[in-house]
C-alpha atoms as a PDB file:
ATOM      1  CA  MET A   1     -41.855-127.528  41.817  1.00  0.00           C
ATOM      2  CA  THR A   2     -38.911-129.895  41.345  1.00  0.00           C
ATOM      3  CA  GLN A   3     -36.422-128.821  38.681  1.00  0.00           C
ATOM      4  CA  TYR A   4     -35.661-132.018  36.778  1.00  0.00           C
ATOM      5  CA  ARG A   5     -32.283-132.123  35.067  1.00  0.00           C
ATOM      6  CA  LEU A   6     -32.232-135.432  33.209  1.00  0.00           C
ATOM      7  CA  LEU A   7     -34.687-137.388  31.045  1.00  0.00           C
ATOM      8  CA  ALA A   8     -34.050-141.130  30.557  1.00  0.00           C
ATOM      9  CA  LEU A   9     -36.000-142.882  27.803  1.00  0.00           C
ATOM     10  CA  ASN A  10     -36.401-146.540  26.953  1.00  0.00           C
ATOM     11  CA  ILE A  11     -36.484-147.195  23.203  1.00  0.00           C
ATOM     12  CA  ASP A  12     -38.693-150.119  22.122  1.00  0.00           C
ATOM     13  CA  GLY A  13     -42.277-149.737  23.274  1.00  0.00           C
ATOM     14  CA  THR A  14     -41.551-146.233  24.569  1.00  0.00           C
ATOM     15  CA  LEU A  15     -39.816-143.930  22.084  1.00  0.00           C
ATOM     16  CA  LEU A  16     -40.739-145.980  19.035  1.00  0.00           C
ATOM     17  CA  ARG A  17     -44.152-146.995  17.788  1.00  0.00           C
ATOM     18  CA  SER A  18     -45.045-150.669  17.486  1.00  0.00           C
ATOM     19  CA  ASN A  19     -43.896-150.574  13.842  1.00  0.00           C
ATOM     20  CA  GLY A  20     -40.426-149.465  14.978  1.00  0.00           C
ATOM     21  CA  ARG A  21     -40.781-145.925  13.669  1.00  0.00           C
ATOM     22  CA  LEU A  22     -40.069-142.639  15.380  1.00  0.00           C
ATOM     23  CA  GLN A  23     -42.911-140.128  15.309  1.00  0.00           C
ATOM     24  CA  PRO A  24     -42.137-136.511  14.307  1.00  0.00           C
ATOM     25  CA  SER A  25     -43.930-135.317  17.459  1.00  0.00           C
ATOM     26  CA  THR A  26     -41.488-137.350  19.580  1.00  0.00           C
ATOM     27  CA  LYS A  27     -38.476-135.744  17.889  1.00  0.00           C
ATOM     28  CA  GLU A  28     -40.033-132.317  18.479  1.00  0.00           C
ATOM     29  CA  ALA A  29     -40.629-133.144  22.156  1.00  0.00           C
ATOM     30  CA  ILE A  30     -36.995-134.203  22.623  1.00  0.00           C
ATOM     31  CA  GLU A  31     -35.810-130.947  21.054  1.00  0.00           C
ATOM     32  CA  PHE A  32     -38.269-129.042  23.251  1.00  0.00           C
ATOM     33  CA  VAL A  33     -36.920-130.571  26.455  1.00  0.00           C
ATOM     34  CA  LYS A  34     -33.269-130.196  25.346  1.00  0.00           C
ATOM     35  CA  ASN A  35     -33.924-126.489  24.892  1.00  0.00           C
ATOM     36  CA  LYS A  36     -34.973-126.404  28.545  1.00  0.00           C
ATOM     37  CA  GLY A  37     -31.434-127.489  29.458  1.00  0.00           C
ATOM     38  CA  ILE A  38     -32.417-131.082  30.274  1.00  0.00           C
ATOM     39  CA  TYR A  39     -29.855-133.843  29.683  1.00  0.00           C
ATOM     40  CA  VAL A  40     -31.563-136.501  27.534  1.00  0.00           C
ATOM     41  CA  THR A  41     -30.312-140.081  27.421  1.00  0.00           C
ATOM     42  CA  LEU A  42     -31.509-143.458  26.153  1.00  0.00           C
ATOM     43  CA  VAL A  43     -31.653-146.466  28.495  1.00  0.00           C
ATOM     44  CA  THR A  44     -32.110-149.613  26.469  1.00  0.00           C
ATOM     45  CA  ASN A  45     -31.448-153.334  26.051  1.00  0.00           C
ATOM     46  CA  ARG A  46     -30.218-152.619  22.536  1.00  0.00           C
ATOM     47  CA  HIS A  47     -26.548-152.787  21.654  1.00  0.00           C
ATOM     48  CA  PHE A  48     -24.659-149.498  21.594  1.00  0.00           C
ATOM     49  CA  GLN A  49     -24.459-149.062  17.818  1.00  0.00           C
ATOM     50  CA  SER A  50     -28.216-149.423  17.418  1.00  0.00           C
ATOM     51  CA  ALA A  51     -28.916-146.947  20.232  1.00  0.00           C
ATOM     52  CA  LYS A  52     -26.351-144.510  18.810  1.00  0.00           C
ATOM     53  CA  LYS A  53     -28.078-144.564  15.438  1.00  0.00           C
ATOM     54  CA  LEU A  54     -31.362-143.539  17.056  1.00  0.00           C
ATOM     55  CA  ALA A  55     -29.570-140.933  19.186  1.00  0.00           C
ATOM     56  CA  LYS A  56     -28.252-139.327  16.001  1.00  0.00           C
ATOM     57  CA  ALA A  57     -31.771-139.204  14.578  1.00  0.00           C
ATOM     58  CA  LEU A  58     -32.815-137.381  17.769  1.00  0.00           C
ATOM     59  CA  LYS A  59     -29.739-135.106  17.620  1.00  0.00           C
ATOM     60  CA  LEU A  60     -28.462-136.413  20.951  1.00  0.00           C
ATOM     61  CA  ASP A  61     -24.737-136.450  21.691  1.00  0.00           C
ATOM     62  CA  SER A  62     -25.211-137.662  25.264  1.00  0.00           C
ATOM     63  CA  LEU A  63     -23.894-140.742  27.027  1.00  0.00           C
ATOM     64  CA  LEU A  64     -26.180-143.713  26.365  1.00  0.00           C
ATOM     65  CA  VAL A  65     -27.046-146.572  28.743  1.00  0.00           C
ATOM     66  CA  THR A  66     -27.097-149.690  26.568  1.00  0.00           C
ATOM     67  CA  HIS A  67     -27.081-153.492  26.869  1.00  0.00           C
ATOM     68  CA  GLY A  68     -29.572-153.175  29.737  1.00  0.00           C
ATOM     69  CA  GLY A  69     -27.122-151.116  31.790  1.00  0.00           C
ATOM     70  CA  ALA A  70     -23.902-153.040  31.028  1.00  0.00           C
ATOM     71  CA  PHE A  71     -22.353-150.490  28.638  1.00  0.00           C
ATOM     72  CA  ILE A  72     -22.481-146.705  29.022  1.00  0.00           C
ATOM     73  CA  SER A  73     -20.788-144.493  26.473  1.00  0.00           C
ATOM     74  CA  ASP A  74     -21.076-141.857  23.783  1.00  0.00           C
ATOM     75  CA  ASN A  75     -18.317-143.583  21.815  1.00  0.00           C
ATOM     76  CA  LEU A  76     -17.941-147.267  20.965  1.00  0.00           C
ATOM     77  CA  ASP A  77     -14.197-147.227  21.665  1.00  0.00           C
ATOM     78  CA  LYS A  78     -14.172-145.333  24.966  1.00  0.00           C
ATOM     79  CA  PRO A  79     -16.899-146.559  27.329  1.00  0.00           C
ATOM     80  CA  LEU A  80     -17.513-144.682  30.539  1.00  0.00           C
ATOM     81  CA  TYR A  81     -18.724-147.872  32.229  1.00  0.00           C
ATOM     82  CA  GLU A  82     -18.932-151.531  31.295  1.00  0.00           C
ATOM     83  CA  LYS A  83     -19.785-154.757  33.124  1.00  0.00           C
ATOM     84  CA  ARG A  84     -18.890-157.913  31.242  1.00  0.00           C
ATOM     85  CA  ILE A  85     -19.028-161.637  31.824  1.00  0.00           C
ATOM     86  CA  SER A  86     -15.361-162.699  31.686  1.00  0.00           C
ATOM     87  CA  GLU A  87     -13.909-164.836  28.899  1.00  0.00           C
ATOM     88  CA  GLU A  88     -13.481-167.808  31.239  1.00  0.00           C
ATOM     89  CA  MET A  89     -16.999-167.581  32.631  1.00  0.00           C
ATOM     90  CA  THR A  90     -18.528-167.090  29.179  1.00  0.00           C
ATOM     91  CA  PHE A  91     -16.775-170.278  28.045  1.00  0.00           C
ATOM     92  CA  ASN A  92     -17.849-172.213  31.141  1.00  0.00           C
ATOM     93  CA  LEU A  93     -21.465-171.074  30.782  1.00  0.00           C
ATOM     94  CA  VAL A  94     -21.508-172.169  27.146  1.00  0.00           C
ATOM     95  CA  GLN A  95     -20.075-175.566  28.111  1.00  0.00           C
ATOM     96  CA  VAL A  96     -23.036-176.092  30.458  1.00  0.00           C
ATOM     97  CA  LEU A  97     -25.690-174.663  28.140  1.00  0.00           C
ATOM     98  CA  GLU A  98     -24.633-176.709  25.109  1.00  0.00           C
ATOM     99  CA  ASN A  99     -25.923-179.784  26.935  1.00  0.00           C
ATOM    100  CA  PHE A 100     -29.453-178.466  26.325  1.00  0.00           C
ATOM    101  CA  LYS A 101     -31.429-178.199  23.110  1.00  0.00           C
ATOM    102  CA  CYS A 102     -31.279-174.448  22.833  1.00  0.00           C
ATOM    103  CA  ASN A 103     -30.081-171.530  20.791  1.00  0.00           C
ATOM    104  CA  ILE A 104     -27.261-169.662  22.594  1.00  0.00           C
ATOM    105  CA  ARG A 105     -26.326-166.164  21.591  1.00  0.00           C
ATOM    106  CA  ILE A 106     -23.379-164.232  23.052  1.00  0.00           C
ATOM    107  CA  ILE A 107     -23.960-160.496  22.725  1.00  0.00           C
ATOM    108  CA  GLN A 108     -21.111-157.982  22.601  1.00  0.00           C
ATOM    109  CA  GLU A 109     -21.050-154.250  21.865  1.00  0.00           C
ATOM    110  CA  ARG A 110     -19.494-154.882  18.430  1.00  0.00           C
ATOM    111  CA  PHE A 111     -20.991-158.221  17.352  1.00  0.00           C
ATOM    112  CA  SER A 112     -22.921-161.294  18.420  1.00  0.00           C
ATOM    113  CA  ILE A 113     -22.100-164.954  17.968  1.00  0.00           C
ATOM    114  CA  GLY A 114     -24.453-167.904  18.341  1.00  0.00           C
ATOM    115  CA  ASN A 115     -24.739-171.641  17.740  1.00  0.00           C
ATOM    116  CA  LYS A 116     -26.682-172.827  14.719  1.00  0.00           C
ATOM    117  CA  LYS A 117     -27.506-176.313  15.958  1.00  0.00           C
ATOM    118  CA  ARG A 118     -31.057-177.281  16.944  1.00  0.00           C
ATOM    119  CA  ILE A 119     -32.522-173.937  15.919  1.00  0.00           C
ATOM    120  CA  ALA A 120     -36.199-174.175  15.059  1.00  0.00           C
ATOM    121  CA  SER A 121     -37.395-171.499  12.632  1.00  0.00           C
ATOM    122  CA  ASN A 122     -39.436-169.715  15.292  1.00  0.00           C
ATOM    123  CA  LEU A 123     -36.471-169.703  17.690  1.00  0.00           C
ATOM    124  CA  LEU A 124     -34.238-168.350  14.939  1.00  0.00           C
ATOM    125  CA  SER A 125     -36.621-165.489  14.290  1.00  0.00           C
ATOM    126  CA  LYS A 126     -36.839-164.682  17.993  1.00  0.00           C
ATOM    127  CA  SER A 127     -33.087-164.834  18.338  1.00  0.00           C
ATOM    128  CA  ILE A 128     -31.860-162.715  15.448  1.00  0.00           C
ATOM    129  CA  LEU A 129     -34.693-160.999  13.628  1.00  0.00           C
ATOM    130  CA  ASN A 130     -35.317-158.309  16.181  1.00  0.00           C
ATOM    131  CA  THR A 131     -35.413-154.529  15.977  1.00  0.00           C
ATOM    132  CA  SER A 132     -32.063-154.018  17.663  1.00  0.00           C
ATOM    133  CA  ASP A 133     -29.981-155.636  14.898  1.00  0.00           C
ATOM    134  CA  SER A 134     -28.920-154.042  11.669  1.00  0.00           C
ATOM    135  CA  MET A 135     -26.391-154.494   8.903  1.00  0.00           C
ATOM    136  CA  PHE A 136     -23.647-152.651  10.787  1.00  0.00           C
ATOM    137  CA  TYR A 137     -23.781-155.136  13.671  1.00  0.00           C
ATOM    138  CA  PRO A 138     -22.237-158.480  12.604  1.00  0.00           C
ATOM    139  CA  VAL A 139     -24.196-161.581  13.598  1.00  0.00           C
ATOM    140  CA  GLN A 140     -22.268-164.861  13.254  1.00  0.00           C
ATOM    141  CA  PHE A 141     -23.400-168.467  13.704  1.00  0.00           C
ATOM    142  CA  VAL A 142     -21.056-171.394  14.303  1.00  0.00           C
ATOM    143  CA  ASP A 143     -21.446-175.166  14.637  1.00  0.00           C
ATOM    144  CA  SER A 144     -19.954-175.283  18.130  1.00  0.00           C
ATOM    145  CA  LEU A 145     -19.729-172.225  20.375  1.00  0.00           C
ATOM    146  CA  GLY A 146     -17.524-174.121  22.810  1.00  0.00           C
ATOM    147  CA  ASP A 147     -14.939-174.943  20.126  1.00  0.00           C
ATOM    148  CA  THR A 148     -15.042-171.386  18.786  1.00  0.00           C
ATOM    149  CA  LEU A 149     -14.542-169.842  22.232  1.00  0.00           C
ATOM    150  CA  ARG A 150     -11.690-172.218  22.991  1.00  0.00           C
ATOM    151  CA  ASP A 151      -9.835-170.835  19.960  1.00  0.00           C
ATOM    152  CA  GLU A 152     -11.055-167.246  20.202  1.00  0.00           C
ATOM    153  CA  PRO A 153     -12.238-166.330  23.724  1.00  0.00           C
ATOM    154  CA  VAL A 154     -14.712-163.470  24.103  1.00  0.00           C
ATOM    155  CA  THR A 155     -16.355-161.599  26.927  1.00  0.00           C
ATOM    156  CA  ALA A 156     -20.123-161.093  26.933  1.00  0.00           C
ATOM    157  CA  MET A 157     -22.382-158.197  27.789  1.00  0.00           C
ATOM    158  CA  LYS A 158     -25.250-160.657  27.804  1.00  0.00           C
ATOM    159  CA  ILE A 159     -26.004-164.252  26.852  1.00  0.00           C
ATOM    160  CA  ASP A 160     -29.461-164.979  25.416  1.00  0.00           C
ATOM    161  CA  ILE A 161     -30.699-168.573  25.407  1.00  0.00           C
ATOM    162  CA  HIS A 162     -33.894-169.731  23.673  1.00  0.00           C
ATOM    163  CA  PHE A 163     -35.381-173.128  24.563  1.00  0.00           C
ATOM    164  CA  LYS A 164     -37.992-175.300  22.927  1.00  0.00           C
ATOM    165  CA  THR A 165     -39.803-175.999  26.207  1.00  0.00           C
ATOM    166  CA  THR A 166     -40.366-174.257  29.522  1.00  0.00           C
ATOM    167  CA  ALA A 167     -39.206-177.360  31.378  1.00  0.00           C
ATOM    168  CA  GLU A 168     -35.790-177.264  29.721  1.00  0.00           C
ATOM    169  CA  LYS A 169     -35.529-173.560  30.422  1.00  0.00           C
ATOM    170  CA  GLU A 170     -36.288-174.072  34.100  1.00  0.00           C
ATOM    171  CA  GLU A 171     -33.766-176.901  34.441  1.00  0.00           C
ATOM    172  CA  ALA A 172     -31.044-174.802  32.808  1.00  0.00           C
ATOM    173  CA  ALA A 173     -31.885-171.776  34.972  1.00  0.00           C
ATOM    174  CA  LYS A 174     -31.572-173.865  38.137  1.00  0.00           C
ATOM    175  CA  ILE A 175     -28.203-175.324  37.155  1.00  0.00           C
ATOM    176  CA  VAL A 176     -26.723-171.985  36.057  1.00  0.00           C
ATOM    177  CA  SER A 177     -28.030-170.096  39.114  1.00  0.00           C
ATOM    178  CA  GLU A 178     -26.530-172.662  41.483  1.00  0.00           C
ATOM    179  CA  ALA A 179     -23.185-173.028  39.702  1.00  0.00           C
ATOM    180  CA  PHE A 180     -22.459-169.423  38.714  1.00  0.00           C
ATOM    181  CA  LYS A 181     -22.948-166.976  41.579  1.00  0.00           C
ATOM    182  CA  GLU A 182     -21.268-164.118  39.689  1.00  0.00           C
ATOM    183  CA  VAL A 183     -24.113-163.746  37.190  1.00  0.00           C
ATOM    184  CA  ASP A 184     -27.798-162.880  37.278  1.00  0.00           C
ATOM    185  CA  VAL A 185     -30.216-165.183  35.450  1.00  0.00           C
ATOM    186  CA  ARG A 186     -33.475-163.679  34.189  1.00  0.00           C
ATOM    187  CA  GLU A 187     -36.287-165.997  33.212  1.00  0.00           C
ATOM    188  CA  PHE A 188     -38.919-165.618  30.504  1.00  0.00           C
ATOM    189  CA  PRO A 189     -41.403-168.266  29.249  1.00  0.00           C
ATOM    190  CA  THR A 190     -38.901-170.072  26.975  1.00  0.00           C
ATOM    191  CA  LYS A 191     -35.877-167.818  27.269  1.00  0.00           C
ATOM    192  CA  LEU A 192     -33.060-167.002  29.698  1.00  0.00           C
ATOM    193  CA  GLU A 193     -30.914-163.890  29.848  1.00  0.00           C
ATOM    194  CA  ILE A 194     -27.591-164.082  31.661  1.00  0.00           C
ATOM    195  CA  VAL A 195     -25.742-160.909  32.652  1.00  0.00           C
ATOM    196  CA  LYS A 196     -22.942-159.946  35.019  1.00  0.00           C
ATOM    197  CA  LYS A 197     -24.290-159.698  38.572  1.00  0.00           C
ATOM    198  CA  GLY A 198     -25.731-156.268  39.282  1.00  0.00           C
ATOM    199  CA  VAL A 199     -26.376-155.265  35.677  1.00  0.00           C
ATOM    200  CA  SER A 200     -29.723-153.476  35.305  1.00  0.00           C
ATOM    201  CA  LYS A 201     -31.179-150.395  33.708  1.00  0.00           C
ATOM    202  CA  GLU A 202     -31.600-148.865  37.161  1.00  0.00           C
ATOM    203  CA  ASN A 203     -27.939-149.377  38.073  1.00  0.00           C
ATOM    204  CA  GLY A 204     -26.896-148.095  34.666  1.00  0.00           C
ATOM    205  CA  LEU A 205     -28.936-144.938  35.184  1.00  0.00           C
ATOM    206  CA  ARG A 206     -27.447-144.503  38.663  1.00  0.00           C
ATOM    207  CA  ALA A 207     -23.921-144.831  37.249  1.00  0.00           C
ATOM    208  CA  LEU A 208     -24.723-142.169  34.647  1.00  0.00           C
ATOM    209  CA  THR A 209     -26.308-139.723  37.099  1.00  0.00           C
ATOM    210  CA  ASN A 210     -23.366-140.183  39.482  1.00  0.00           C
ATOM    211  CA  HIS A 211     -20.950-139.376  36.657  1.00  0.00           C
ATOM    212  CA  LEU A 212     -22.950-136.290  35.659  1.00  0.00           C
ATOM    213  CA  GLN A 213     -23.329-135.285  39.328  1.00  0.00           C
ATOM    214  CA  ILE A 214     -27.099-135.148  38.914  1.00  0.00           C
ATOM    215  CA  PRO A 215     -29.081-136.595  41.851  1.00  0.00           C
ATOM    216  CA  ILE A 216     -31.304-139.429  40.637  1.00  0.00           C
ATOM    217  CA  GLU A 217     -34.159-137.558  42.351  1.00  0.00           C
ATOM    218  CA  LYS A 218     -33.705-134.933  39.604  1.00  0.00           C
ATOM    219  CA  ALA A 219     -34.195-137.530  36.853  1.00  0.00           C
ATOM    220  CA  VAL A 220     -37.346-138.419  34.917  1.00  0.00           C
ATOM    221  CA  ALA A 221     -37.441-142.004  33.595  1.00  0.00           C
ATOM    222  CA  ILE A 222     -39.954-143.252  31.021  1.00  0.00           C
ATOM    223  CA  GLY A 223     -40.354-146.940  30.173  1.00  0.00           C
ATOM    224  CA  ASP A 224     -42.782-149.704  29.309  1.00  0.00           C
ATOM    225  CA  SER A 225     -41.293-153.077  30.228  1.00  0.00           C
ATOM    226  CA  GLU A 226     -40.762-155.054  33.409  1.00  0.00           C
ATOM    227  CA  ASP A 227     -37.029-154.362  33.411  1.00  0.00           C
ATOM    228  CA  ASP A 228     -37.831-150.626  33.418  1.00  0.00           C
ATOM    229  CA  ALA A 229     -39.755-150.904  36.706  1.00  0.00           C
ATOM    230  CA  GLU A 230     -36.814-150.438  39.101  1.00  0.00           C
ATOM    231  CA  MET A 231     -35.538-147.493  37.081  1.00  0.00           C
ATOM    232  CA  ILE A 232     -39.016-145.947  37.143  1.00  0.00           C
ATOM    233  CA  MET A 233     -39.250-146.430  40.915  1.00  0.00           C
ATOM    234  CA  SER A 234     -35.798-144.959  41.572  1.00  0.00           C
ATOM    235  CA  ALA A 235     -36.153-141.829  39.438  1.00  0.00           C
ATOM    236  CA  GLY A 236     -37.461-138.604  40.908  1.00  0.00           C
ATOM    237  CA  LEU A 237     -40.372-138.898  38.495  1.00  0.00           C
ATOM    238  CA  GLY A 238     -41.101-142.367  37.123  1.00  0.00           C
ATOM    239  CA  VAL A 239     -43.359-142.618  34.079  1.00  0.00           C
ATOM    240  CA  ALA A 240     -44.923-145.743  32.575  1.00  0.00           C
ATOM    241  CA  MET A 241     -46.353-145.988  29.088  1.00  0.00           C
ATOM    242  CA  TRP A 242     -50.010-146.990  28.759  1.00  0.00           C
ATOM    243  CA  ASN A 243     -48.855-150.114  26.895  1.00  0.00           C
ATOM    244  CA  ALA A 244     -46.758-151.202  29.905  1.00  0.00           C
ATOM    245  CA  PRO A 245     -47.801-154.208  32.041  1.00  0.00           C
ATOM    246  CA  PHE A 246     -49.945-153.415  35.081  1.00  0.00           C
ATOM    247  CA  GLU A 247     -47.048-154.117  37.472  1.00  0.00           C
ATOM    248  CA  VAL A 248     -44.980-151.390  35.796  1.00  0.00           C
ATOM    249  CA  LYS A 249     -47.832-148.880  35.767  1.00  0.00           C
ATOM    250  CA  ARG A 250     -48.507-149.607  39.424  1.00  0.00           C
ATOM    251  CA  VAL A 251     -45.050-148.411  40.531  1.00  0.00           C
ATOM    252  CA  ALA A 252     -45.014-145.305  38.325  1.00  0.00           C
ATOM    253  CA  ASP A 253     -45.761-141.745  39.436  1.00  0.00           C
ATOM    254  CA  TRP A 254     -47.345-140.959  36.095  1.00  0.00           C
ATOM    255  CA  VAL A 255     -48.917-143.102  33.362  1.00  0.00           C
ATOM    256  CA  THR A 256     -48.849-141.494  29.944  1.00  0.00           C
ATOM    257  CA  ARG A 257     -50.417-142.475  26.641  1.00  0.00           C
ATOM    258  CA  SER A 258     -49.215-145.512  24.685  1.00  0.00           C
ATOM    259  CA  ASN A 259     -46.257-145.511  22.312  1.00  0.00           C
ATOM    260  CA  ASN A 260     -48.692-145.535  19.378  1.00  0.00           C
ATOM    261  CA  GLN A 261     -50.508-142.474  20.782  1.00  0.00           C
ATOM    262  CA  GLN A 262     -47.522-140.149  21.190  1.00  0.00           C
ATOM    263  CA  GLY A 263     -47.110-140.991  24.870  1.00  0.00           C
ATOM    264  CA  VAL A 264     -43.585-139.582  25.218  1.00  0.00           C
ATOM    265  CA  ALA A 265     -44.405-136.348  23.404  1.00  0.00           C
ATOM    266  CA  TYR A 266     -47.568-135.870  25.466  1.00  0.00           C
ATOM    267  CA  MET A 267     -45.841-136.443  28.812  1.00  0.00           C
ATOM    268  CA  VAL A 268     -42.784-134.333  28.018  1.00  0.00           C
ATOM    269  CA  LYS A 269     -44.726-131.318  26.819  1.00  0.00           C
ATOM    270  CA  GLU A 270     -47.325-131.539  29.591  1.00  0.00           C
ATOM    271  CA  HIS A 271     -44.769-131.812  32.367  1.00  0.00           C
ATOM    272  CA  PHE A 272     -41.868-129.704  31.152  1.00  0.00           C
ATOM    273  CA  ARG A 273     -43.773-126.780  29.619  1.00  0.00           C
ATOM    274  CA  LYS A 274     -43.700-124.872  32.929  1.00  0.00           C
ATOM    275  CA  GLN A 275     -40.087-125.710  33.780  1.00  0.00           C
ATOM    276  CA  GLN A 276     -37.595-122.952  33.001  1.00  0.00           C
ATOM    277  CA  ARG A 277     -33.909-123.305  32.235  1.00  0.00           C
ATOM    278  CA  GLU A 278     -31.778-123.245  35.387  1.00  0.00           C
ATOM    279  CA  GLU A 279     -29.765-120.313  33.978  1.00  0.00           C
ATOM    280  CA  PHE A 280     -32.976-118.285  33.712  1.00  0.00           C
ATOM    281  CA  LEU A 281     -33.999-119.122  37.274  1.00  0.00           C
ATOM    282  CA  ARG A 282     -30.549-118.169  38.585  1.00  0.00           C
ATOM    283  CA  LYS A 283     -30.747-114.871  36.717  1.00  0.00           C
ATOM    284  CA  ILE A 284     -34.144-114.088  38.247  1.00  0.00           C
ATOM    285  CA  LYS A 285     -32.782-114.932  41.698  1.00  0.00           C
ATOM    286  CA  ILE A 286     -29.759-112.651  41.180  1.00  0.00           C
ATOM    287  CA  ASP A 287     -31.849-109.788  39.763  1.00  0.00           C
ATOM    288  CA  ASN A 288     -34.216-109.985  42.717  1.00  0.00           C
END
């Protein structure tokens, strides 16, 4: 039986219920697996401060993989790993995107800044009223992002762009993909995400396991969304939530219950109950 040494957990749709709450059984399962000597981390699209708040609730002091793999740290001021879009490229991307009717949001580890022009109420809600923002993470809106960045340049972990129509989104994606080879452009029905080339949850997890000197084959990864799929495939044991899309479940080694049916707690206790601490196994080996 493989001795797994690390457990990587997505947050939204995996650790948390659909109402955004953490179940007591999930907290108990995390404590259970920590007591087995397993390193537990969170791998999430959330910004670091939001992930850190949840980590504290779970009594985790581990390094966290945040911003979809762009920022890895246990401390806001001293990241282990970060991949940013440069100040110049962030400015140039904004210059192109402001030609479209869209809401642009530049996301950093400490704050986000967006344009407030042409924002329909539904786009505004999609852009800022999400579970990963809270009062301790400043969200600013300005009339012109281009003018603001000219005066105060910033780097970006990610740029989110919401469009009114799919056609506009597709046109913008084509232009950005052709003009900016140093970034990856991810498409959704009426949204684009732009990140530094190579940023992904899988690569973030690999960077963490390399740092910890834990083979990725000794990692268990649990997730529910399409951007968890590569991480699930790469881990020694990849687990999909029941609420995950079919494509994600198809590549997983194990499909557990949904996030509303204690899926993480069920999987962790079912799989790890027979695994002993490595210190105990070494002691048995020495005694024999």
